[in-house]
Amino acid sequence: MADDHQKKNLLMWVVVIGLTVLILAVWFFNLKNIWRANTGAIVDVDDSEWQKFKMEWRQATEGIGENLETFQPESTSTPLEMEREEAIPISESPADTIILEPSKPAPTNCPEYINCMPTVGTEPRPCNIPPGCEDITVIAY
């Protein structure tokens, strides 16, 4: 049994060392070609397509610039502002000024934050935000 294990171990080492030598040999023989200039790959490039593209691009960008100078928006109001203008009559006199008040007042006894940091040896702290304080109170961890 031990003899069989030694043969498998020896075979594994031979294969690993053989693959390492093979990879290093391929890498070494490839090094001589790495600094050589590849002159056969240089091909005469037809520059007419590039010039055509540049000309079309220049014409398109000039057209955009001209259109921006002559562009006049139809209205300066957004749809939301237009709905608001229709719903609320605008008047210059202070007596007609509409004051919007919230439907229910904000509670004044809301804490700024609730400390939910765990502590050692004590009961867990309740981390419940009081009703009505959802937008005011922040949970701190």
Protein backbone atom coordinates (compact mmCIF):
# COMPACT_ATOMS: atom_id res chain seq x y z
CA MET A 1 0.00 0.00 0.00
CA ALA A 2 2.77 2.47 0.92
CA ASP A 3 4.69 1.44 -2.21
CA ASP A 4 1.62 2.19 -4.37
CA HIS A 5 1.23 5.58 -2.69
CA GLN A 6 4.91 6.43 -3.37
CA LYS A 7 4.50 5.53 -7.07
CA LYS A 8 1.44 7.79 -7.39
CA ASN A 9 3.26 10.62 -5.59
CA LEU A 10 6.34 10.21 -7.85
CA LEU A 11 4.15 10.15 -10.98
CA MET A 12 2.38 13.33 -9.84
CA TRP A 13 5.71 15.14 -9.31
CA VAL A 14 7.01 14.02 -12.72
CA VAL A 15 3.88 15.31 -14.45
CA VAL A 16 3.93 18.65 -12.60
CA ILE A 17 7.64 19.23 -13.28
CA GLY A 18 7.21 18.14 -16.92
CA LEU A 19 4.35 20.61 -17.48
CA THR A 20 6.35 23.38 -15.80
CA VAL A 21 9.36 22.72 -18.05
CA LEU A 22 7.11 22.61 -21.13
CA ILE A 23 5.46 25.97 -20.26
CA LEU A 24 8.83 27.62 -19.55
CA ALA A 25 10.28 26.28 -22.84
CA VAL A 26 7.36 27.65 -24.88
CA TRP A 27 7.66 30.98 -23.11
CA PHE A 28 11.45 31.12 -23.66
CA PHE A 29 11.20 30.35 -27.40
CA ASN A 30 8.49 32.98 -27.78
CA LEU A 31 10.66 35.67 -26.17
CA LYS A 32 12.89 35.97 -29.23
CA ASN A 33 9.87 36.99 -31.36
CA ILE A 34 8.37 39.48 -28.96
CA TRP A 35 10.61 42.46 -29.86
CA ARG A 36 10.59 41.84 -33.58
CA ALA A 37 8.55 44.40 -35.57
CA ASN A 38 5.70 42.87 -37.52
CA THR A 39 6.22 44.63 -40.87
CA GLY A 40 3.95 42.29 -42.79
CA ALA A 41 0.89 43.51 -40.92
CA ILE A 42 1.16 47.11 -42.18
CA VAL A 43 -1.47 47.61 -44.87
CA ASP A 44 -2.29 50.70 -46.87
CA VAL A 45 -5.41 52.10 -45.24
CA ASP A 46 -8.04 53.76 -47.40
CA ASP A 47 -8.51 57.18 -45.80
CA SER A 48 -11.57 58.14 -47.86
CA GLU A 49 -14.04 56.46 -45.49
CA TRP A 50 -12.59 58.35 -42.52
CA GLN A 51 -12.70 61.66 -44.38
CA LYS A 52 -16.30 60.97 -45.41
CA PHE A 53 -17.28 60.27 -41.80
CA LYS A 54 -15.54 63.44 -40.56
CA MET A 55 -17.36 65.54 -43.17
CA GLU A 56 -20.77 64.06 -42.25
CA TRP A 57 -20.07 64.59 -38.54
CA ARG A 58 -19.06 68.22 -39.08
CA GLN A 59 -22.24 68.89 -41.10
CA ALA A 60 -24.42 67.27 -38.43
CA THR A 61 -22.89 69.25 -35.57
CA GLU A 62 -23.15 72.53 -37.49
CA GLY A 63 -26.82 71.77 -38.16
CA ILE A 64 -27.45 71.20 -34.47
CA GLY A 65 -25.80 74.50 -33.57
CA GLU A 66 -27.94 76.40 -36.08
CA ASN A 67 -31.12 74.73 -34.80
CA LEU A 68 -30.29 75.64 -31.20
CA GLU A 69 -29.87 79.30 -32.07
CA THR A 70 -33.30 79.48 -33.74
CA PHE A 71 -35.10 77.30 -31.18
CA GLN A 72 -37.77 79.10 -29.19
CA PRO A 73 -39.74 77.15 -26.58
CA GLU A 74 -43.51 77.33 -26.90
CA SER A 75 -44.09 77.91 -23.21
CA THR A 76 -41.89 78.43 -20.20
CA SER A 77 -44.37 76.74 -17.87
CA THR A 78 -44.17 73.10 -17.05
CA PRO A 79 -47.38 71.04 -17.06
CA LEU A 80 -47.43 71.07 -13.25
CA GLU A 81 -47.22 74.86 -13.16
CA MET A 82 -49.96 75.09 -15.79
CA GLU A 83 -52.27 72.89 -13.68
CA ARG A 84 -51.48 75.00 -10.61
CA GLU A 85 -52.24 78.23 -12.47
CA GLU A 86 -55.58 76.84 -13.57
CA ALA A 87 -56.48 75.62 -10.07
CA ILE A 88 -55.41 78.66 -8.03
CA PRO A 89 -56.39 82.08 -9.32
CA ILE A 90 -53.46 84.44 -9.11
CA SER A 91 -54.20 87.86 -7.73
CA GLU A 92 -52.02 90.80 -6.84
CA SER A 93 -53.98 91.90 -3.79
CA PRO A 94 -52.86 90.49 -0.42
CA ALA A 95 -56.45 89.81 0.63
CA ASP A 96 -56.81 87.14 -2.07
CA THR A 97 -53.57 85.38 -1.13
CA ILE A 98 -54.13 81.72 -0.36
CA ILE A 99 -52.14 80.29 2.51
CA LEU A 100 -51.76 76.54 2.41
CA GLU A 101 -51.57 74.90 5.81
CA PRO A 102 -50.81 71.27 6.50
CA SER A 103 -53.82 69.07 7.18
CA LYS A 104 -52.54 68.13 10.64
CA PRO A 105 -49.88 69.92 12.66
CA ALA A 106 -46.52 68.25 13.13
CA PRO A 107 -46.06 66.81 16.63
CA THR A 108 -43.71 68.86 18.78
CA ASN A 109 -42.64 66.02 21.09
CA CYS A 110 -40.82 63.97 18.43
CA PRO A 111 -37.25 62.96 19.31
CA GLU A 112 -34.53 63.88 16.84
CA TYR A 113 -33.14 60.34 16.89
CA ILE A 114 -33.69 56.99 18.60
CA ASN A 115 -30.59 55.17 19.87
CA CYS A 116 -30.83 51.54 18.75
CA MET A 117 -27.18 50.69 19.43
CA PRO A 118 -26.91 47.24 21.03
CA THR A 119 -25.36 47.12 24.47
CA VAL A 120 -23.80 44.25 26.44
CA GLY A 121 -25.61 42.88 29.45
CA THR A 122 -28.86 44.83 29.09
CA GLU A 123 -32.20 44.24 27.48
CA PRO A 124 -32.55 45.27 23.83
CA ARG A 125 -33.77 48.83 23.37
CA PRO A 126 -37.09 49.41 21.63
CA CYS A 127 -36.50 51.01 18.25
CA ASN A 128 -40.02 52.15 17.48
CA ILE A 129 -40.64 55.57 16.01
CA PRO A 130 -43.63 57.26 17.67
CA PRO A 131 -46.69 57.69 15.45
CA GLY A 132 -46.60 60.91 13.48
CA CYS A 133 -42.82 61.29 13.83
CA GLU A 134 -41.85 59.17 10.79
CA ASP A 135 -40.45 62.10 8.80
CA ILE A 136 -38.74 63.73 11.81
CA THR A 137 -37.13 60.96 13.86
CA VAL A 138 -34.08 59.05 12.65
CA ILE A 139 -32.98 55.64 13.94
CA ALA A 140 -29.30 55.62 14.97
CA TYR A 141 -27.45 52.30 14.98
